[in-house]
PDB file of all heavy atoms in Angstrom:
ATOM      1  N   ASP A   1     -16.678  -9.370   4.296  1.00  0.00           N
ATOM      2  CA  ASP A   1     -15.711  -9.044   5.205  1.00  0.00           C
ATOM      3  C   ASP A   1     -14.261  -9.366   4.651  1.00  0.00           C
ATOM      4  O   ASP A   1     -13.247  -9.344   5.458  1.00  0.00           O
ATOM      5  CB  ASP A   1     -15.865  -9.758   6.562  1.00  0.00           C
ATOM      6  CG  ASP A   1     -15.965 -11.275   6.359  1.00  0.00           C
ATOM      7  OD1 ASP A   1     -15.884 -11.718   5.235  1.00  0.00           O
ATOM      8  OD2 ASP A   1     -16.053 -12.025   7.376  1.00  0.00           O
ATOM      9  N   ARG A   2     -14.206  -9.671   3.423  1.00  0.00           N
ATOM     10  CA  ARG A   2     -12.848 -10.037   2.855  1.00  0.00           C
ATOM     11  C   ARG A   2     -12.634  -9.324   1.492  1.00  0.00           C
ATOM     12  O   ARG A   2     -13.574  -9.422   0.683  1.00  0.00           O
ATOM     13  CB  ARG A   2     -12.830 -11.635   2.711  1.00  0.00           C
ATOM     14  CG  ARG A   2     -11.443 -12.126   2.144  1.00  0.00           C
ATOM     15  CD  ARG A   2     -11.453 -13.581   2.333  1.00  0.00           C
ATOM     16  NE  ARG A   2     -12.348 -14.213   1.403  1.00  0.00           N
ATOM     17  CZ  ARG A   2     -12.073 -14.686   0.188  1.00  0.00           C
ATOM     18  NH1 ARG A   2     -10.890 -14.524  -0.327  1.00  0.00           N
ATOM     19  NH2 ARG A   2     -13.041 -15.320  -0.528  1.00  0.00           N
ATOM     20  N   VAL A   3     -11.541  -8.785   1.348  1.00  0.00           N
ATOM     21  CA  VAL A   3     -11.154  -8.170   0.089  1.00  0.00           C
ATOM     22  C   VAL A   3     -10.088  -8.991  -0.643  1.00  0.00           C
ATOM     23  O   VAL A   3      -9.072  -9.377  -0.115  1.00  0.00           O
ATOM     24  CB  VAL A   3     -10.581  -6.659   0.306  1.00  0.00           C
ATOM     25  CG1 VAL A   3     -10.134  -6.092  -0.991  1.00  0.00           C
ATOM     26  CG2 VAL A   3     -11.653  -5.753   1.017  1.00  0.00           C
ATOM     27  N   VAL A   4     -10.421  -9.304  -1.933  1.00  0.00           N
ATOM     28  CA  VAL A   4      -9.544 -10.121  -2.756  1.00  0.00           C
ATOM     29  C   VAL A   4      -8.759  -9.175  -3.638  1.00  0.00           C
ATOM     30  O   VAL A   4      -9.309  -8.337  -4.223  1.00  0.00           O
ATOM     31  CB  VAL A   4     -10.277 -11.152  -3.553  1.00  0.00           C
ATOM     32  CG1 VAL A   4      -9.270 -11.845  -4.499  1.00  0.00           C
ATOM     33  CG2 VAL A   4     -10.995 -12.197  -2.583  1.00  0.00           C
ATOM     34  N   VAL A   5      -7.451  -9.346  -3.749  1.00  0.00           N
ATOM     35  CA  VAL A   5      -6.650  -8.514  -4.513  1.00  0.00           C
ATOM     36  C   VAL A   5      -5.956  -9.419  -5.638  1.00  0.00           C
ATOM     37  O   VAL A   5      -5.263 -10.388  -5.256  1.00  0.00           O
ATOM     38  CB  VAL A   5      -5.556  -7.774  -3.691  1.00  0.00           C
ATOM     39  CG1 VAL A   5      -4.659  -7.008  -4.620  1.00  0.00           C
ATOM     40  CG2 VAL A   5      -6.195  -6.799  -2.750  1.00  0.00           C
ATOM     41  N   ASP A   6      -6.111  -9.060  -6.853  1.00  0.00           N
ATOM     42  CA  ASP A   6      -5.451  -9.780  -7.880  1.00  0.00           C
ATOM     43  C   ASP A   6      -4.288  -8.986  -8.362  1.00  0.00           C
ATOM     44  O   ASP A   6      -4.453  -7.706  -8.476  1.00  0.00           O
ATOM     45  CB  ASP A   6      -6.256 -10.099  -9.085  1.00  0.00           C
ATOM     46  CG  ASP A   6      -7.397 -11.086  -8.810  1.00  0.00           C
ATOM     47  OD1 ASP A   6      -7.172 -11.858  -7.795  1.00  0.00           O
ATOM     48  OD2 ASP A   6      -8.343 -11.056  -9.406  1.00  0.00           O
ATOM     49  N   ILE A   7      -3.087  -9.459  -8.729  1.00  0.00           N
ATOM     50  CA  ILE A   7      -1.968  -8.863  -9.339  1.00  0.00           C
ATOM     51  C   ILE A   7      -1.918  -9.198 -10.729  1.00  0.00           C
ATOM     52  O   ILE A   7      -2.428 -10.293 -11.155  1.00  0.00           O
ATOM     53  CB  ILE A   7      -0.647  -9.109  -8.641  1.00  0.00           C
ATOM     54  CG1 ILE A   7      -0.351 -10.541  -8.582  1.00  0.00           C
ATOM     55  CG2 ILE A   7      -0.668  -8.630  -7.116  1.00  0.00           C
ATOM     56  CD1 ILE A   7       1.057 -10.867  -8.028  1.00  0.00           C
ATOM     57  N   PHE A   8      -1.432  -8.344 -11.518  1.00  0.00           N
ATOM     58  CA  PHE A   8      -1.244  -8.687 -12.959  1.00  0.00           C
ATOM     59  C   PHE A   8      -0.074  -8.105 -13.600  1.00  0.00           C
ATOM     60  O   PHE A   8       0.550  -7.116 -13.128  1.00  0.00           O
ATOM     61  CB  PHE A   8      -2.552  -8.170 -13.705  1.00  0.00           C
ATOM     62  CG  PHE A   8      -2.806  -6.654 -13.673  1.00  0.00           C
ATOM     63  CD1 PHE A   8      -2.107  -5.821 -14.464  1.00  0.00           C
ATOM     64  CD2 PHE A   8      -3.531  -6.142 -12.667  1.00  0.00           C
ATOM     65  CE1 PHE A   8      -2.326  -4.427 -14.478  1.00  0.00           C
ATOM     66  CE2 PHE A   8      -3.772  -4.792 -12.612  1.00  0.00           C
ATOM     67  CZ  PHE A   8      -3.159  -3.883 -13.390  1.00  0.00           C
ATOM     68  N   LYS A   9       0.312  -8.731 -14.708  1.00  0.00           N
ATOM     69  CA  LYS A   9       1.432  -8.226 -15.444  1.00  0.00           C
ATOM     70  C   LYS A   9       1.014  -8.298 -16.974  1.00  0.00           C
ATOM     71  O   LYS A   9       0.362  -9.195 -17.360  1.00  0.00           O
ATOM     72  CB  LYS A   9       2.705  -9.160 -15.280  1.00  0.00           C
ATOM     73  CG  LYS A   9       3.220  -9.210 -13.840  1.00  0.00           C
ATOM     74  CD  LYS A   9       4.397 -10.169 -13.708  1.00  0.00           C
ATOM     75  CE  LYS A   9       4.872 -10.199 -12.339  1.00  0.00           C
ATOM     76  NZ  LYS A   9       6.044 -11.162 -12.180  1.00  0.00           N
ATOM     77  N   ALA A  10       1.484  -7.258 -17.706  1.00  0.00           N
ATOM     78  CA  ALA A  10       1.038  -7.265 -19.103  1.00  0.00           C
ATOM     79  C   ALA A  10       1.991  -6.491 -19.979  1.00  0.00           C
ATOM     80  O   ALA A  10       2.903  -5.792 -19.390  1.00  0.00           O
ATOM     81  CB  ALA A  10      -0.355  -6.507 -19.152  1.00  0.00           C
ATOM     82  N   GLU A  11       1.778  -6.604 -21.243  1.00  0.00           N
ATOM     83  CA  GLU A  11       2.630  -5.930 -22.178  1.00  0.00           C
ATOM     84  C   GLU A  11       1.677  -5.020 -23.096  1.00  0.00           C
ATOM     85  O   GLU A  11       0.592  -5.479 -23.402  1.00  0.00           O
ATOM     86  CB  GLU A  11       3.398  -6.903 -23.116  1.00  0.00           C
ATOM     87  CG  GLU A  11       4.284  -6.248 -24.187  1.00  0.00           C
ATOM     88  CD  GLU A  11       4.901  -7.252 -25.066  1.00  0.00           C
ATOM     89  OE1 GLU A  11       4.499  -8.445 -25.077  1.00  0.00           O
ATOM     90  OE2 GLU A  11       5.938  -6.889 -25.725  1.00  0.00           O
ATOM     91  N   VAL A  12       2.231  -3.830 -23.463  1.00  0.00           N
ATOM     92  CA  VAL A  12       1.404  -2.967 -24.284  1.00  0.00           C
ATOM     93  C   VAL A  12       2.039  -2.833 -25.706  1.00  0.00           C
ATOM     94  O   VAL A  12       3.218  -2.545 -25.760  1.00  0.00           O
ATOM     95  CB  VAL A  12       1.264  -1.530 -23.688  1.00  0.00           C
ATOM     96  CG1 VAL A  12       0.306  -0.618 -24.504  1.00  0.00           C
ATOM     97  CG2 VAL A  12       0.692  -1.573 -22.235  1.00  0.00           C
ATOM     98  N   ILE A  13       1.263  -3.166 -26.725  1.00  0.00           N
ATOM     99  CA  ILE A  13       1.812  -3.004 -28.114  1.00  0.00           C
ATOM    100  C   ILE A  13       0.845  -2.135 -28.895  1.00  0.00           C
ATOM    101  O   ILE A  13      -0.257  -2.487 -28.988  1.00  0.00           O
ATOM    102  CB  ILE A  13       1.947  -4.385 -28.850  1.00  0.00           C
ATOM    103  CG1 ILE A  13       2.895  -5.277 -28.087  1.00  0.00           C
ATOM    104  CG2 ILE A  13       2.398  -4.152 -30.285  1.00  0.00           C
ATOM    105  CD1 ILE A  13       3.037  -6.724 -28.666  1.00  0.00           C
ATOM    106  N   ASN A  14       1.282  -0.904 -29.199  1.00  0.00           N
ATOM    107  CA  ASN A  14       0.353   0.036 -29.779  1.00  0.00           C
ATOM    108  C   ASN A  14      -0.669   0.357 -28.686  1.00  0.00           C
ATOM    109  O   ASN A  14      -0.461   0.763 -27.592  1.00  0.00           O
ATOM    110  CB  ASN A  14      -0.175  -0.322 -31.106  1.00  0.00           C
ATOM    111  CG  ASN A  14       0.917  -0.353 -32.244  1.00  0.00           C
ATOM    112  OD1 ASN A  14       1.776   0.512 -32.330  1.00  0.00           O
ATOM    113  ND2 ASN A  14       0.873  -1.412 -32.992  1.00  0.00           N
ATOM    114  N   ASN A  15      -1.936   0.038 -29.000  1.00  0.00           N
ATOM    115  CA  ASN A  15      -3.072   0.255 -28.088  1.00  0.00           C
ATOM    116  C   ASN A  15      -3.596  -1.064 -27.560  1.00  0.00           C
ATOM    117  O   ASN A  15      -4.670  -1.200 -27.065  1.00  0.00           O
ATOM    118  CB  ASN A  15      -4.193   1.048 -28.660  1.00  0.00           C
ATOM    119  CG  ASN A  15      -4.892   0.248 -29.772  1.00  0.00           C
ATOM    120  OD1 ASN A  15      -4.299  -0.376 -30.562  1.00  0.00           O
ATOM    121  ND2 ASN A  15      -6.127   0.445 -29.859  1.00  0.00           N
ATOM    122  N   VAL A  16      -2.860  -2.177 -27.747  1.00  0.00           N
ATOM    123  CA  VAL A  16      -3.216  -3.480 -27.250  1.00  0.00           C
ATOM    124  C   VAL A  16      -2.582  -3.919 -26.031  1.00  0.00           C
ATOM    125  O   VAL A  16      -1.399  -3.802 -25.804  1.00  0.00           O
ATOM    126  CB  VAL A  16      -2.952  -4.588 -28.417  1.00  0.00           C
ATOM    127  CG1 VAL A  16      -3.531  -5.943 -27.901  1.00  0.00           C
ATOM    128  CG2 VAL A  16      -3.745  -4.129 -29.729  1.00  0.00           C
ATOM    129  N   VAL A  17      -3.455  -4.415 -25.029  1.00  0.00           N
ATOM    130  CA  VAL A  17      -2.817  -4.759 -23.790  1.00  0.00           C
ATOM    131  C   VAL A  17      -3.187  -6.265 -23.525  1.00  0.00           C
ATOM    132  O   VAL A  17      -4.302  -6.667 -23.678  1.00  0.00           O
ATOM    133  CB  VAL A  17      -3.485  -3.958 -22.621  1.00  0.00           C
ATOM    134  CG1 VAL A  17      -2.739  -4.317 -21.285  1.00  0.00           C
ATOM    135  CG2 VAL A  17      -3.546  -2.560 -22.858  1.00  0.00           C
ATOM    136  N   SER A  18      -2.131  -7.126 -23.297  1.00  0.00           N
ATOM    137  CA  SER A  18      -2.306  -8.490 -23.045  1.00  0.00           C
ATOM    138  C   SER A  18      -1.423  -9.012 -21.848  1.00  0.00           C
ATOM    139  O   SER A  18      -0.348  -8.517 -21.714  1.00  0.00           O
ATOM    140  CB  SER A  18      -1.926  -9.323 -24.349  1.00  0.00           C
ATOM    141  OG  SER A  18      -0.647  -9.139 -24.676  1.00  0.00           O
ATOM    142  N   GLY A  19      -2.006  -9.789 -20.980  1.00  0.00           N
ATOM    143  CA  GLY A  19      -1.260 -10.257 -19.872  1.00  0.00           C
ATOM    144  C   GLY A  19      -1.947 -11.328 -19.044  1.00  0.00           C
ATOM    145  O   GLY A  19      -2.924 -12.012 -19.486  1.00  0.00           O
ATOM    146  N   ARG A  20      -1.425 -11.423 -17.806  1.00  0.00           N
ATOM    147  CA  ARG A  20      -1.947 -12.484 -16.892  1.00  0.00           C
ATOM    148  C   ARG A  20      -2.253 -11.885 -15.593  1.00  0.00           C
ATOM    149  O   ARG A  20      -1.541 -10.979 -15.096  1.00  0.00           O
ATOM    150  CB  ARG A  20      -1.027 -13.646 -16.777  1.00  0.00           C
ATOM    151  CG  ARG A  20      -0.658 -14.414 -17.991  1.00  0.00           C
ATOM    152  CD  ARG A  20       0.314 -15.554 -17.700  1.00  0.00           C
ATOM    153  NE  ARG A  20      -0.288 -16.432 -16.758  1.00  0.00           N
ATOM    154  CZ  ARG A  20       0.354 -17.381 -16.096  1.00  0.00           C
ATOM    155  NH1 ARG A  20       1.748 -17.590 -16.346  1.00  0.00           N
ATOM    156  NH2 ARG A  20      -0.236 -18.296 -15.360  1.00  0.00           N
ATOM    157  N   SER A  21      -3.222 -12.456 -14.867  1.00  0.00           N
ATOM    158  CA  SER A  21      -3.594 -12.001 -13.522  1.00  0.00           C
ATOM    159  C   SER A  21      -3.447 -13.200 -12.573  1.00  0.00           C
ATOM    160  O   SER A  21      -3.553 -14.332 -12.897  1.00  0.00           O
ATOM    161  CB  SER A  21      -4.962 -11.530 -13.459  1.00  0.00           C
ATOM    162  OG  SER A  21      -6.023 -12.380 -13.859  1.00  0.00           O
ATOM    163  N   PHE A  22      -3.191 -12.864 -11.295  1.00  0.00           N
ATOM    164  CA  PHE A  22      -2.954 -13.941 -10.314  1.00  0.00           C
ATOM    165  C   PHE A  22      -3.589 -13.537  -8.959  1.00  0.00           C
ATOM    166  O   PHE A  22      -3.577 -12.390  -8.582  1.00  0.00           O
ATOM    167  CB  PHE A  22      -1.426 -14.069 -10.013  1.00  0.00           C
ATOM    168  CG  PHE A  22      -0.593 -14.251 -11.258  1.00  0.00           C
ATOM    169  CD1 PHE A  22      -0.093 -13.113 -11.917  1.00  0.00           C
ATOM    170  CD2 PHE A  22      -0.252 -15.504 -11.825  1.00  0.00           C
ATOM    171  CE1 PHE A  22       0.660 -13.230 -13.086  1.00  0.00           C
ATOM    172  CE2 PHE A  22       0.498 -15.558 -12.977  1.00  0.00           C
ATOM    173  CZ  PHE A  22       1.000 -14.455 -13.705  1.00  0.00           C
ATOM    174  N   HIS A  23      -4.155 -14.636  -8.347  1.00  0.00           N
ATOM    175  CA  HIS A  23      -4.733 -14.343  -6.948  1.00  0.00           C
ATOM    176  C   HIS A  23      -3.582 -14.213  -5.976  1.00  0.00           C
ATOM    177  O   HIS A  23      -2.511 -14.891  -6.111  1.00  0.00           O
ATOM    178  CB  HIS A  23      -5.583 -15.500  -6.539  1.00  0.00           C
ATOM    179  CG  HIS A  23      -7.051 -15.169  -6.689  1.00  0.00           C
ATOM    180  ND1 HIS A  23      -7.553 -13.924  -6.563  1.00  0.00           N
ATOM    181  CD2 HIS A  23      -8.106 -15.956  -6.928  1.00  0.00           C
ATOM    182  CE1 HIS A  23      -8.853 -13.952  -6.581  1.00  0.00           C
ATOM    183  NE2 HIS A  23      -9.208 -15.166  -6.805  1.00  0.00           N
ATOM    184  N   THR A  24      -3.785 -13.393  -4.931  1.00  0.00           N
ATOM    185  CA  THR A  24      -2.700 -13.287  -3.902  1.00  0.00           C
ATOM    186  C   THR A  24      -3.147 -14.008  -2.562  1.00  0.00           C
ATOM    187  O   THR A  24      -2.380 -14.027  -1.662  1.00  0.00           O
ATOM    188  CB  THR A  24      -2.428 -11.843  -3.524  1.00  0.00           C
ATOM    189  OG1 THR A  24      -3.733 -11.232  -3.072  1.00  0.00           O
ATOM    190  CG2 THR A  24      -1.921 -11.110  -4.778  1.00  0.00           C
ATOM    191  N   SER A  25      -4.329 -14.607  -2.535  1.00  0.00           N
ATOM    192  CA  SER A  25      -4.924 -15.179  -1.349  1.00  0.00           C
ATOM    193  C   SER A  25      -4.576 -16.646  -1.229  1.00  0.00           C
ATOM    194  O   SER A  25      -5.047 -17.393  -1.997  1.00  0.00           O
ATOM    195  CB  SER A  25      -6.346 -14.905  -1.182  1.00  0.00           C
ATOM    196  OG  SER A  25      -7.077 -15.440  -2.291  1.00  0.00           O
ATOM    197  N   ASN A  26      -3.696 -17.057  -0.356  1.00  0.00           N
ATOM    198  CA  ASN A  26      -3.317 -18.375  -0.065  1.00  0.00           C
ATOM    199  C   ASN A  26      -2.912 -19.223  -1.273  1.00  0.00           C
ATOM    200  O   ASN A  26      -3.107 -20.413  -1.330  1.00  0.00           O
ATOM    201  CB  ASN A  26      -4.526 -19.101   0.629  1.00  0.00           C
ATOM    202  CG  ASN A  26      -4.937 -18.427   1.863  1.00  0.00           C
ATOM    203  OD1 ASN A  26      -4.113 -17.996   2.628  1.00  0.00           O
ATOM    204  ND2 ASN A  26      -6.344 -18.300   2.048  1.00  0.00           N
ATOM    205  N   GLY A  27      -2.356 -18.514  -2.247  1.00  0.00           N
ATOM    206  CA  GLY A  27      -1.846 -19.203  -3.476  1.00  0.00           C
ATOM    207  C   GLY A  27      -2.972 -19.956  -4.276  1.00  0.00           C
ATOM    208  O   GLY A  27      -2.738 -20.867  -4.999  1.00  0.00           O
ATOM    209  N   ALA A  28      -4.264 -19.414  -4.034  1.00  0.00           N
ATOM    210  CA  ALA A  28      -5.407 -20.036  -4.720  1.00  0.00           C
ATOM    211  C   ALA A  28      -5.254 -20.019  -6.276  1.00  0.00           C
ATOM    212  O   ALA A  28      -4.812 -18.954  -6.755  1.00  0.00           O
ATOM    213  CB  ALA A  28      -6.610 -19.479  -4.275  1.00  0.00           C
ATOM    214  N   LEU A  29      -5.586 -21.028  -6.910  1.00  0.00           N
ATOM    215  CA  LEU A  29      -5.564 -21.114  -8.381  1.00  0.00           C
ATOM    216  C   LEU A  29      -6.788 -20.379  -8.987  1.00  0.00           C
ATOM    217  O   LEU A  29      -6.663 -19.853 -10.031  1.00  0.00           O
ATOM    218  CB  LEU A  29      -5.557 -22.538  -8.936  1.00  0.00           C
ATOM    219  CG  LEU A  29      -5.365 -22.710 -10.354  1.00  0.00           C
ATOM    220  CD1 LEU A  29      -4.050 -22.170 -10.751  1.00  0.00           C
ATOM    221  CD2 LEU A  29      -5.484 -24.250 -10.594  1.00  0.00           C
ATOM    222  N   SER A  30      -7.882 -20.396  -8.183  1.00  0.00           N
ATOM    223  CA  SER A  30      -9.113 -19.811  -8.776  1.00  0.00           C
ATOM    224  C   SER A  30      -8.886 -18.324  -8.940  1.00  0.00           C
ATOM    225  O   SER A  30      -8.230 -17.621  -8.179  1.00  0.00           O
ATOM    226  CB  SER A  30     -10.272 -19.955  -7.761  1.00  0.00           C
ATOM    227  OG  SER A  30     -10.069 -19.315  -6.537  1.00  0.00           O
ATOM    228  N   GLY A  31      -9.416 -17.835 -10.045  1.00  0.00           N
ATOM    229  CA  GLY A  31      -9.252 -16.363 -10.366  1.00  0.00           C
ATOM    230  C   GLY A  31      -8.074 -16.118 -11.274  1.00  0.00           C
ATOM    231  O   GLY A  31      -8.051 -15.083 -11.932  1.00  0.00           O
ATOM    232  N   THR A  32      -7.051 -17.064 -11.379  1.00  0.00           N
ATOM    233  CA  THR A  32      -5.883 -16.835 -12.205  1.00  0.00           C
ATOM    234  C   THR A  32      -6.379 -16.946 -13.660  1.00  0.00           C
ATOM    235  O   THR A  32      -7.253 -17.733 -13.959  1.00  0.00           O
ATOM    236  CB  THR A  32      -4.939 -18.058 -11.999  1.00  0.00           C
ATOM    237  OG1 THR A  32      -4.414 -17.956 -10.601  1.00  0.00           O
ATOM    238  CG2 THR A  32      -3.762 -17.834 -12.907  1.00  0.00           C
ATOM    239  N   GLY A  33      -5.934 -15.945 -14.399  1.00  0.00           N
ATOM    240  CA  GLY A  33      -6.377 -15.896 -15.742  1.00  0.00           C
ATOM    241  C   GLY A  33      -5.554 -15.113 -16.687  1.00  0.00           C
ATOM    242  O   GLY A  33      -4.500 -14.682 -16.316  1.00  0.00           O
ATOM    243  N   THR A  34      -6.092 -14.931 -17.927  1.00  0.00           N
ATOM    244  CA  THR A  34      -5.450 -14.074 -18.924  1.00  0.00           C
ATOM    245  C   THR A  34      -6.405 -13.023 -19.442  1.00  0.00           C
ATOM    246  O   THR A  34      -7.653 -13.170 -19.396  1.00  0.00           O
ATOM    247  CB  THR A  34      -4.988 -14.896 -20.118  1.00  0.00           C
ATOM    248  OG1 THR A  34      -6.097 -15.522 -20.792  1.00  0.00           O
ATOM    249  CG2 THR A  34      -3.991 -15.996 -19.633  1.00  0.00           C
ATOM    250  N   PHE A  35      -5.918 -11.890 -19.970  1.00  0.00           N
ATOM    251  CA  PHE A  35      -6.841 -10.812 -20.425  1.00  0.00           C
ATOM    252  C   PHE A  35      -6.152 -10.163 -21.585  1.00  0.00           C
ATOM    253  O   PHE A  35      -4.991 -10.272 -21.873  1.00  0.00           O
ATOM    254  CB  PHE A  35      -7.085  -9.726 -19.376  1.00  0.00           C
ATOM    255  CG  PHE A  35      -5.860  -9.078 -18.799  1.00  0.00           C
ATOM    256  CD1 PHE A  35      -5.242  -8.032 -19.434  1.00  0.00           C
ATOM    257  CD2 PHE A  35      -5.166  -9.623 -17.715  1.00  0.00           C
ATOM    258  CE1 PHE A  35      -4.110  -7.448 -18.927  1.00  0.00           C
ATOM    259  CE2 PHE A  35      -4.093  -9.067 -17.169  1.00  0.00           C
ATOM    260  CZ  PHE A  35      -3.520  -7.942 -17.807  1.00  0.00           C
TER     261      PHE A  35
END
């Protein structure tokens, strides 16, 4: 009954994508990461 949405920001260099993702639910730290 709950949908979690992560937001992310990244940079593209040639065909390489690198960035960070953040949880939007209650400022929770869990799920925060890098890709």
